[in-house]
Amino acid sequence: MANHNPNVTNAPVEDVIDTTSAEPRFFGWKVVVAAFTVAVFGWGTGFYGPPVYLEVVHQSRGWPIAVISGAVTLHFLVGLALIPNMPRLYRRFGLPIVTFTSGVVMAAGVLGWAVANTPWQLYAAAFLSGIGWSALGAVAVNAIVSPWFAAKRPLALGVAFNGGSVGGVIFSPFWVALIDTIGFPAAALVVCVVMLVTLGMLAIFVLTRTPESLHQEPDGAPPIASVSTVGASGEQVTASVPRPRRLFYDRAFLTLCIGMTLALFAQTGLVAHLVSVLAPALGRQGAGLAAGASGVAAVAGRLAVGWRASGTSNWRAIASYSLIAQALGCGVLLLADGSSPALLVLGVVLFGLGVGNAISVPPVIANLEFSKEDAARAVALIVAISQGAYAIAPAVFGLFRELWSDEVIFVASVVIQLAAIGAYLFGSGRTAPPCVPNA
């Protein structure tokens, strides 16, 4: 009896412990893995794929670079109309359906690139692949991850966006090797089948879950300790930057939008022609491997940022440092003059250090500088506007090559990157969503 009473007394404590241990583990990190996987296929087929498609179509069809570059431009231009409407599509049809349907459209577009026999067929394929890329890119990653995180959102987004860089590491050399082995149509079929099976499983088993359905709070916090901050900013802010039309009068939004647009214009224009420019010196497989090396560097650059940075860091300065690395890489590529393989690889690696951060850092800045409600809209707007602008970069850089030389695209990239740095730094200073004064 002496031993029994203490056990009875302690029973409620044990019950509490058992109940706590029975609670489901935080599902948010599984969602991050899902977003990472979506980014692997999104970037692998939609961002790192077109440079390979361009070179393969040019070699197999003999069409002018300018004609094929126009198709790449269309591929990126489609997002200008689609991306601003992505939040509405998510609300109406749901995240799982939109994500899987986007994969289907992407698959149709990639297969179209592989079998196109006329330029108009190529442009039709580019239209479809552009829809897929727009819906499997930055907006998708942000939409998948953001509901699950608040204070840890910059970290979670950084991890998820690494999928884009890994997509470059895997797909840049893999596309070339697979195409050389079994041909473009068969290679496209293999990649698309794997992509659709993977996205279908993610849509069913992961993307259907929400924090509300699992009774979980952002960051996995207990319900009684609900986190109400985003990085350094407080979600308690009840009145923030006014709605979309007013965003265009806000310096923080405008400079963020301009900085991201210029950075991605320079990056996309160069990446779209990278395999083609490197192929004469390195061979097509060597050029594909070099492009893959840029993806490895992009992962390293983003991991370095994730390791050192936090919600209180100056993320605009981080974006600027990444652009400096890209500019240095362009300078090395220019000095290599197509005759030094070692310098070419070094230049690609330096350029790659900033590739991942160019598209992942701006959404983090938006989530830090705007309230939760406005951040989603701000991200959709900056991604749409930047994509609409950088869509013409492949065609512009292709025209530069036609009119002058391959080397001129490195000079153009440096000039544009320096302008992007200026835009980012001009908008620095805000560390939290601004409050609207009481009337």
Protein backbone atom coordinates (compact mmCIF):
# COMPACT_ATOMS: atom_id res chain seq x y z
CA MET A 1 0.00 0.00 0.00
CA ALA A 2 2.86 2.29 0.74
CA ASN A 3 4.05 1.93 -2.80
CA HIS A 4 0.58 2.11 -4.30
CA ASN A 5 -0.47 5.55 -3.12
CA PRO A 6 2.45 7.41 -4.73
CA ASN A 7 1.63 5.77 -8.02
CA VAL A 8 -1.95 6.92 -7.75
CA THR A 9 -0.78 10.38 -6.91
CA ASN A 10 1.56 10.45 -9.90
CA ALA A 11 -0.96 9.05 -12.38
CA PRO A 12 -2.13 12.46 -13.66
CA VAL A 13 1.50 13.45 -14.32
CA GLU A 14 2.10 10.23 -16.25
CA ASP A 15 -1.09 10.81 -18.19
CA VAL A 16 0.12 14.24 -19.16
CA ILE A 17 3.48 12.84 -20.27
CA ASP A 18 1.81 10.09 -22.29
CA THR A 19 -0.55 12.54 -23.91
CA THR A 20 2.30 14.82 -24.89
CA SER A 21 4.34 12.01 -26.37
CA ALA A 22 1.26 10.81 -28.32
CA GLU A 23 0.90 14.15 -30.09
CA PRO A 24 1.91 14.00 -33.76
CA ARG A 25 5.35 15.30 -34.62
CA PHE A 26 5.49 18.63 -36.42
CA PHE A 27 4.58 17.97 -40.04
CA GLY A 28 6.09 21.18 -41.37
CA TRP A 29 9.53 19.74 -42.09
CA LYS A 30 7.98 17.01 -44.22
CA VAL A 31 6.28 19.81 -46.13
CA VAL A 32 9.68 21.45 -46.60
CA VAL A 33 10.99 18.20 -48.09
CA ALA A 34 7.99 18.14 -50.42
CA ALA A 35 8.63 21.74 -51.49
CA PHE A 36 12.30 20.89 -51.99
CA THR A 37 11.28 18.03 -54.31
CA VAL A 38 8.85 20.22 -56.25
CA ALA A 39 11.67 22.73 -56.71
CA VAL A 40 14.04 20.00 -57.98
CA PHE A 41 11.66 19.15 -60.82
CA GLY A 42 10.47 22.72 -61.35
CA TRP A 43 13.97 24.14 -61.79
CA GLY A 44 15.36 20.98 -63.39
CA THR A 45 12.82 21.03 -66.21
CA GLY A 46 11.80 24.69 -66.28
CA PHE A 47 14.96 26.69 -65.53
CA TYR A 48 18.00 24.51 -66.14
CA GLY A 49 16.26 22.57 -68.90
CA PRO A 50 15.80 25.33 -71.52
CA PRO A 51 19.56 25.98 -71.97
CA VAL A 52 19.98 22.30 -72.84
CA TYR A 53 16.85 22.30 -75.00
CA LEU A 54 18.20 25.33 -76.87
CA GLU A 55 21.50 23.64 -77.71
CA VAL A 56 19.94 20.28 -78.64
CA VAL A 57 17.30 21.85 -80.87
CA HIS A 58 19.92 24.07 -82.49
CA GLN A 59 22.17 21.09 -83.25
CA SER A 60 19.39 18.75 -84.40
CA ARG A 61 17.21 21.19 -86.34
CA GLY A 62 19.76 23.74 -87.46
CA TRP A 63 17.45 26.65 -86.63
CA PRO A 64 19.04 30.03 -85.81
CA ILE A 65 19.91 30.73 -82.18
CA ALA A 66 17.68 33.83 -82.27
CA VAL A 67 14.62 31.75 -83.26
CA ILE A 68 15.14 29.22 -80.47
CA SER A 69 15.97 31.97 -77.97
CA GLY A 70 12.58 33.47 -78.79
CA ALA A 71 10.95 30.22 -77.69
CA VAL A 72 12.92 30.31 -74.44
CA THR A 73 11.73 33.88 -73.97
CA LEU A 74 8.12 32.81 -74.44
CA HIS A 75 8.69 30.02 -71.93
CA PHE A 76 9.59 32.59 -69.27
CA LEU A 77 7.15 35.28 -70.43
CA VAL A 78 4.07 33.16 -69.75
CA GLY A 79 4.52 33.71 -66.03
CA LEU A 80 3.76 37.41 -66.34
CA ALA A 81 0.06 36.62 -66.70
CA LEU A 82 -0.10 33.43 -64.64
CA ILE A 83 1.92 34.07 -61.49
CA PRO A 84 -0.12 37.01 -60.09
CA ASN A 85 -3.18 34.75 -60.23
CA MET A 86 -1.56 31.79 -58.48
CA PRO A 87 -2.89 32.71 -54.99
CA ARG A 88 -6.40 32.80 -56.46
CA LEU A 89 -5.89 29.40 -58.12
CA TYR A 90 -4.68 27.94 -54.83
CA ARG A 91 -7.76 29.23 -53.03
CA ARG A 92 -10.16 27.92 -55.68
CA PHE A 93 -8.70 24.52 -56.56
CA GLY A 94 -6.33 23.78 -53.70
CA LEU A 95 -2.57 23.41 -53.52
CA PRO A 96 -2.41 19.66 -54.38
CA ILE A 97 -4.51 19.91 -57.57
CA VAL A 98 -2.75 23.01 -58.84
CA THR A 99 0.69 21.52 -58.21
CA PHE A 100 0.00 18.19 -59.91
CA THR A 101 -1.82 19.81 -62.84
CA SER A 102 1.17 22.10 -63.31
CA GLY A 103 3.38 19.03 -63.54
CA VAL A 104 1.14 17.58 -66.25
CA VAL A 105 1.32 20.79 -68.27
CA MET A 106 5.10 20.94 -67.79
CA ALA A 107 5.42 17.36 -69.03
CA ALA A 108 3.40 18.17 -72.15
CA GLY A 109 5.63 21.18 -72.81
CA VAL A 110 8.92 19.31 -72.37
CA LEU A 111 7.74 16.52 -74.66
CA GLY A 112 6.75 19.21 -77.15
CA TRP A 113 10.27 20.64 -77.10
CA ALA A 114 11.58 17.16 -77.86
CA VAL A 115 9.36 16.40 -80.87
CA ALA A 116 8.87 19.86 -82.42
CA ASN A 117 9.53 19.80 -86.18
CA THR A 118 8.61 23.40 -86.96
CA PRO A 119 9.20 26.68 -85.12
CA TRP A 120 5.48 27.13 -84.40
CA GLN A 121 5.40 23.73 -82.69
CA LEU A 122 8.43 24.77 -80.67
CA TYR A 123 6.68 27.95 -79.55
CA ALA A 124 3.53 25.99 -78.62
CA ALA A 125 5.68 23.68 -76.50
CA ALA A 126 7.40 26.69 -74.91
CA PHE A 127 4.00 28.11 -73.97
CA LEU A 128 3.08 24.91 -72.13
CA SER A 129 6.44 24.48 -70.43
CA GLY A 130 6.24 28.13 -69.40
CA ILE A 131 2.96 27.48 -67.61
CA GLY A 132 4.53 24.54 -65.82
CA TRP A 133 7.63 26.51 -64.79
CA SER A 134 5.57 29.43 -63.52
CA ALA A 135 3.48 27.13 -61.31
CA LEU A 136 6.34 24.95 -60.05
CA GLY A 137 8.79 27.77 -59.27
CA ALA A 138 9.24 30.31 -56.50
CA VAL A 139 5.55 31.02 -55.90
CA ALA A 140 4.84 27.32 -55.44
CA VAL A 141 7.68 26.87 -52.95
CA ASN A 142 6.52 29.90 -50.98
CA ALA A 143 2.89 28.75 -51.00
CA ILE A 144 3.79 25.23 -49.84
CA VAL A 145 6.11 26.26 -47.01
CA SER A 146 4.79 29.56 -45.62
CA PRO A 147 1.61 28.30 -43.85
CA TRP A 148 3.73 26.01 -41.67
CA PHE A 149 6.32 28.49 -40.43
CA ALA A 150 6.60 31.93 -38.87
CA ALA A 151 9.82 32.61 -36.96
CA LYS A 152 11.59 29.78 -38.80
CA ARG A 153 10.22 30.73 -42.19
CA PRO A 154 13.50 32.14 -43.60
CA LEU A 155 15.27 28.90 -42.68
CA ALA A 156 12.48 26.73 -44.06
CA LEU A 157 12.29 28.67 -47.32
CA GLY A 158 16.06 28.54 -47.70
CA VAL A 159 16.08 24.76 -47.32
CA ALA A 160 13.17 24.33 -49.73
CA PHE A 161 14.67 26.63 -52.36
CA ASN A 162 17.82 24.52 -52.27
CA GLY A 163 15.79 22.06 -54.30
CA GLY A 164 16.12 24.45 -57.22
CA SER A 165 19.90 24.37 -57.02
CA VAL A 166 19.90 20.60 -56.62
CA GLY A 167 17.72 20.49 -59.72
CA GLY A 168 20.54 22.25 -61.54
CA VAL A 169 23.15 19.87 -60.13
CA ILE A 170 21.16 16.83 -61.23
CA PHE A 171 19.48 17.92 -64.43
CA SER A 172 22.11 20.00 -66.21
CA PRO A 173 24.47 17.05 -66.80
CA PHE A 174 21.70 14.42 -66.65
CA TRP A 175 19.71 15.98 -69.51
CA VAL A 176 22.78 16.03 -71.75
CA ALA A 177 23.87 12.47 -70.88
CA LEU A 178 20.38 11.02 -71.25
CA ILE A 179 19.72 12.83 -74.54
CA ASP A 180 23.04 11.66 -75.96
CA THR A 181 22.23 8.09 -74.87
CA ILE A 182 18.59 7.59 -75.87
CA GLY A 183 17.64 10.76 -77.76
CA PHE A 184 15.65 13.83 -76.77
CA PRO A 185 12.10 12.37 -77.08
CA ALA A 186 12.86 9.27 -75.01
CA ALA A 187 14.80 11.31 -72.44
CA ALA A 188 11.90 13.74 -72.09
CA LEU A 189 9.47 10.83 -71.61
CA VAL A 190 11.59 9.25 -68.87
CA VAL A 191 12.00 12.51 -66.95
CA CYS A 192 8.32 13.45 -67.26
CA VAL A 193 7.05 10.07 -66.07
CA VAL A 194 9.28 10.21 -62.98
CA MET A 195 8.20 13.80 -62.32
CA LEU A 196 4.48 13.04 -62.55
CA VAL A 197 4.68 9.96 -60.33
CA THR A 198 6.62 11.93 -57.70
CA LEU A 199 4.35 14.99 -57.79
CA GLY A 200 1.27 12.78 -57.65
CA MET A 201 2.49 11.07 -54.48
CA LEU A 202 3.40 14.40 -52.88
CA ALA A 203 0.00 15.85 -53.77
CA ILE A 204 -1.82 12.91 -52.16
CA PHE A 205 0.26 12.25 -49.07
CA VAL A 206 1.77 15.64 -48.15
CA LEU A 207 0.20 18.66 -49.84
CA THR A 208 -3.32 17.70 -48.74
CA ARG A 209 -2.32 18.33 -45.12
CA THR A 210 -2.63 21.75 -43.52
CA PRO A 211 -1.65 23.03 -40.06
CA GLU A 212 -5.34 23.37 -39.23
CA SER A 213 -6.19 19.80 -40.24
CA LEU A 214 -3.43 18.47 -37.99
CA HIS A 215 -4.15 20.98 -35.19
CA GLN A 216 -0.58 22.27 -35.34
CA GLU A 217 0.82 25.75 -34.93
CA PRO A 218 3.51 27.46 -37.06
CA ASP A 219 7.03 26.21 -36.30
CA GLY A 220 5.50 23.32 -34.33
CA ALA A 221 4.88 25.52 -31.29
CA PRO A 222 2.35 24.42 -28.66
CA PRO A 223 -1.10 26.02 -29.14
CA ILE A 224 -0.68 28.00 -25.91
CA ALA A 225 2.54 29.51 -27.23
CA SER A 226 1.48 30.38 -30.72
CA VAL A 227 4.30 32.10 -32.54
CA SER A 228 3.29 35.44 -33.91
CA THR A 229 6.47 36.66 -35.52
CA VAL A 230 8.09 36.36 -38.89
CA GLY A 231 11.81 36.57 -38.46
CA ALA A 232 12.51 39.88 -36.82
CA SER A 233 9.07 41.25 -37.44
CA GLY A 234 5.91 40.89 -35.38
CA GLU A 235 2.70 39.41 -36.78
CA GLN A 236 0.88 41.37 -34.07
CA VAL A 237 1.03 44.25 -36.51
CA THR A 238 -2.61 44.62 -37.41
CA ALA A 239 -2.21 47.28 -40.02
CA SER A 240 0.61 46.95 -42.48
CA VAL A 241 1.60 48.01 -45.93
CA PRO A 242 -1.64 48.81 -47.76
CA ARG A 243 -3.00 46.41 -50.35
CA PRO A 244 -1.56 45.59 -53.79
CA ARG A 245 -2.11 48.90 -55.55
CA ARG A 246 -0.49 50.76 -52.67
CA LEU A 247 2.50 48.41 -52.71
CA PHE A 248 3.71 50.17 -55.83
CA TYR A 249 4.09 53.38 -53.81
CA ASP A 250 6.24 51.69 -51.17
CA ARG A 251 10.00 52.07 -51.56
CA ALA A 252 10.73 48.74 -49.90
CA PHE A 253 8.54 46.89 -52.38
CA LEU A 254 9.75 48.82 -55.43
CA THR A 255 13.45 48.40 -54.69
CA LEU A 256 12.95 44.72 -53.87
CA CYS A 257 11.09 44.22 -57.13
CA ILE A 258 13.66 46.13 -59.20
CA GLY A 259 16.59 44.36 -57.54
CA MET A 260 15.14 40.89 -58.11
CA THR A 261 14.11 41.72 -61.67
CA LEU A 262 17.55 43.00 -62.70
CA ALA A 263 19.37 40.17 -60.93
CA LEU A 264 17.27 37.49 -62.59
CA PHE A 265 17.45 39.23 -65.97
CA ALA A 266 21.24 38.99 -65.91
CA GLN A 267 21.21 35.48 -64.47
CA THR A 268 18.58 34.03 -66.80
CA GLY A 269 20.10 35.57 -69.90
CA LEU A 270 23.47 34.04 -69.10
CA VAL A 271 22.17 30.65 -67.90
CA ALA A 272 20.03 30.24 -71.03
CA HIS A 273 23.17 30.46 -73.22
CA LEU A 274 25.69 28.93 -70.83
CA VAL A 275 25.78 25.42 -72.30
CA SER A 276 25.90 26.79 -75.84
CA VAL A 277 28.73 29.23 -75.02
CA LEU A 278 30.82 26.66 -73.15
CA ALA A 279 30.29 23.81 -75.63
CA PRO A 280 32.99 24.87 -78.14
CA ALA A 281 35.69 24.75 -75.45
CA LEU A 282 34.37 22.00 -73.17
CA GLY A 283 32.20 19.89 -75.47
CA ARG A 284 28.46 19.46 -74.92
CA GLN A 285 28.85 16.96 -72.08
CA GLY A 286 31.60 19.05 -70.49
CA ALA A 287 29.39 22.12 -70.75
CA GLY A 288 26.55 20.20 -69.10
CA LEU A 289 28.86 19.15 -66.27
CA ALA A 290 30.04 22.74 -65.87
CA ALA A 291 26.42 23.89 -65.63
CA GLY A 292 25.93 21.20 -63.00
CA ALA A 293 28.94 22.58 -61.13
CA SER A 294 27.17 25.94 -61.02
CA GLY A 295 24.27 24.14 -59.35
CA VAL A 296 26.61 22.65 -56.74
CA ALA A 297 28.00 26.13 -56.12
CA ALA A 298 24.45 27.47 -55.82
CA VAL A 299 23.69 24.93 -53.10
CA ALA A 300 26.91 25.89 -51.30
CA GLY A 301 26.07 29.58 -51.56
CA ARG A 302 22.58 29.10 -50.20
CA LEU A 303 23.76 26.78 -47.41
CA ALA A 304 26.34 29.38 -46.41
CA VAL A 305 23.60 31.97 -46.18
CA GLY A 306 21.34 29.62 -44.24
CA TRP A 307 24.16 28.76 -41.84
CA ARG A 308 25.19 32.32 -41.09
CA ALA A 309 22.02 34.36 -41.56
CA SER A 310 18.94 34.67 -39.38
CA GLY A 311 15.72 36.63 -39.26
CA THR A 312 17.62 39.62 -37.89
CA SER A 313 20.29 39.64 -40.63
CA ASN A 314 20.48 42.28 -43.35
CA TRP A 315 19.04 40.20 -46.16
CA ARG A 316 19.37 42.98 -48.72
CA ALA A 317 23.11 43.01 -48.08
CA ILE A 318 23.11 39.22 -48.46
CA ALA A 319 21.42 39.60 -51.85
CA SER A 320 24.08 42.15 -52.83
CA TYR A 321 26.98 39.89 -51.79
CA SER A 322 25.52 37.11 -53.93
CA LEU A 323 25.41 39.43 -56.93
CA ILE A 324 29.03 40.46 -56.34
CA ALA A 325 30.00 36.78 -56.56
CA GLN A 326 28.10 36.48 -59.84
CA ALA A 327 29.79 39.60 -61.23
CA LEU A 328 33.22 38.22 -60.33
CA GLY A 329 32.32 34.98 -62.06
CA CYS A 330 31.33 36.85 -65.20
CA GLY A 331 34.65 38.69 -65.09
CA VAL A 332 36.56 35.41 -64.94
CA LEU A 333 34.51 33.99 -67.83
CA LEU A 334 35.32 37.09 -69.83
CA LEU A 335 39.05 36.73 -69.12
CA ALA A 336 38.95 33.04 -70.08
CA ASP A 337 37.95 34.07 -73.61
CA GLY A 338 36.75 30.54 -74.36
CA SER A 339 40.29 29.18 -74.46
CA SER A 340 41.02 28.20 -70.85
CA PRO A 341 38.85 25.33 -69.52
CA ALA A 342 40.12 25.87 -65.96
CA LEU A 343 39.14 29.54 -65.96
CA LEU A 344 35.80 28.73 -67.55
CA VAL A 345 34.96 26.28 -64.77
CA LEU A 346 36.17 28.73 -62.10
CA GLY A 347 34.01 31.47 -63.59
CA VAL A 348 30.97 29.18 -63.69
CA VAL A 349 31.47 28.19 -60.05
CA LEU A 350 31.81 31.81 -58.89
CA PHE A 351 28.73 32.73 -60.88
CA GLY A 352 26.88 29.76 -59.40
CA LEU A 353 27.54 30.87 -55.82
CA GLY A 354 24.93 33.57 -56.27
CA VAL A 355 22.48 31.73 -58.51
CA GLY A 356 20.46 30.11 -55.73
CA ASN A 357 20.21 33.23 -53.57
CA ALA A 358 19.05 35.41 -56.45
CA ILE A 359 15.62 33.80 -56.39
CA SER A 360 15.36 32.57 -52.78
CA VAL A 361 16.48 35.68 -50.90
CA PRO A 362 13.84 38.15 -52.23
CA PRO A 363 10.90 36.06 -50.87
CA VAL A 364 12.65 35.97 -47.50
CA ILE A 365 13.03 39.76 -47.60
CA ALA A 366 9.34 40.10 -48.43
CA ASN A 367 8.36 37.84 -45.53
CA LEU A 368 10.52 39.92 -43.19
CA GLU A 369 9.51 43.38 -44.38
CA PHE A 370 5.78 42.84 -44.91
CA SER A 371 3.00 41.38 -42.81
CA LYS A 372 1.94 37.77 -43.34
CA GLU A 373 -1.10 38.79 -45.37
CA ASP A 374 0.80 41.18 -47.64
CA ALA A 375 3.90 38.99 -47.97
CA ALA A 376 2.13 36.34 -50.08
CA ARG A 377 0.84 38.99 -52.47
CA ALA A 378 4.18 40.79 -52.54
CA VAL A 379 6.01 37.55 -53.38
CA ALA A 380 3.57 36.76 -56.19
CA LEU A 381 3.96 40.27 -57.61
CA ILE A 382 7.75 40.44 -57.50
CA VAL A 383 8.09 36.95 -58.99
CA ALA A 384 5.59 37.75 -61.76
CA ILE A 385 7.13 41.12 -62.62
CA SER A 386 10.68 39.80 -62.53
CA GLN A 387 9.75 36.79 -64.64
CA GLY A 388 7.93 38.97 -67.14
CA ALA A 389 11.07 41.08 -67.49
CA TYR A 390 13.70 38.36 -67.46
CA ALA A 391 11.62 36.39 -69.97
CA ILE A 392 13.12 38.50 -72.73
CA ALA A 393 16.66 37.99 -71.41
CA PRO A 394 17.39 34.84 -73.46
CA ALA A 395 16.30 36.62 -76.65
CA VAL A 396 18.23 39.79 -75.76
CA PHE A 397 21.38 37.85 -74.94
CA GLY A 398 20.92 35.77 -78.08
CA LEU A 399 20.72 38.99 -80.10
CA PHE A 400 23.91 40.22 -78.42
CA ARG A 401 25.64 37.03 -79.54
CA GLU A 402 24.35 37.40 -83.08
CA LEU A 403 25.34 41.08 -83.37
CA TRP A 404 28.67 41.04 -81.52
CA SER A 405 30.22 38.01 -79.81
CA ASP A 406 29.69 35.48 -77.05
CA GLU A 407 31.83 37.50 -74.64
CA VAL A 408 29.55 40.53 -74.70
CA ILE A 409 26.92 38.69 -72.65
CA PHE A 410 29.35 38.56 -69.70
CA VAL A 411 29.84 42.34 -69.85
CA ALA A 412 26.08 42.88 -70.01
CA SER A 413 25.57 40.61 -67.00
CA VAL A 414 28.05 42.55 -64.86
CA VAL A 415 26.47 45.92 -65.68
CA ILE A 416 22.97 44.66 -64.85
CA GLN A 417 24.12 42.97 -61.63
CA LEU A 418 25.70 46.19 -60.39
CA ALA A 419 22.43 48.02 -61.04
CA ALA A 420 20.58 45.34 -59.05
CA ILE A 421 22.93 45.82 -56.11
CA GLY A 422 22.15 49.53 -56.13
CA ALA A 423 18.41 48.83 -56.05
CA TYR A 424 18.68 46.45 -53.11
CA LEU A 425 20.82 48.80 -51.05
CA PHE A 426 18.66 51.83 -51.79
CA GLY A 427 15.70 50.10 -50.14
CA SER A 428 17.52 48.93 -47.01
CA GLY A 429 16.51 50.07 -43.58
CA ARG A 430 13.18 48.41 -42.85
CA THR A 431 13.41 45.57 -40.32
CA ALA A 432 9.72 44.96 -39.67
CA PRO A 433 6.35 45.49 -41.36
CA PRO A 434 5.45 49.15 -41.05
CA CYS A 435 2.45 50.13 -39.02
CA VAL A 436 -0.19 52.36 -40.49
CA PRO A 437 -0.86 55.25 -38.13
CA ASN A 438 -4.25 55.30 -36.46
CA ALA A 439 -6.72 57.53 -38.16
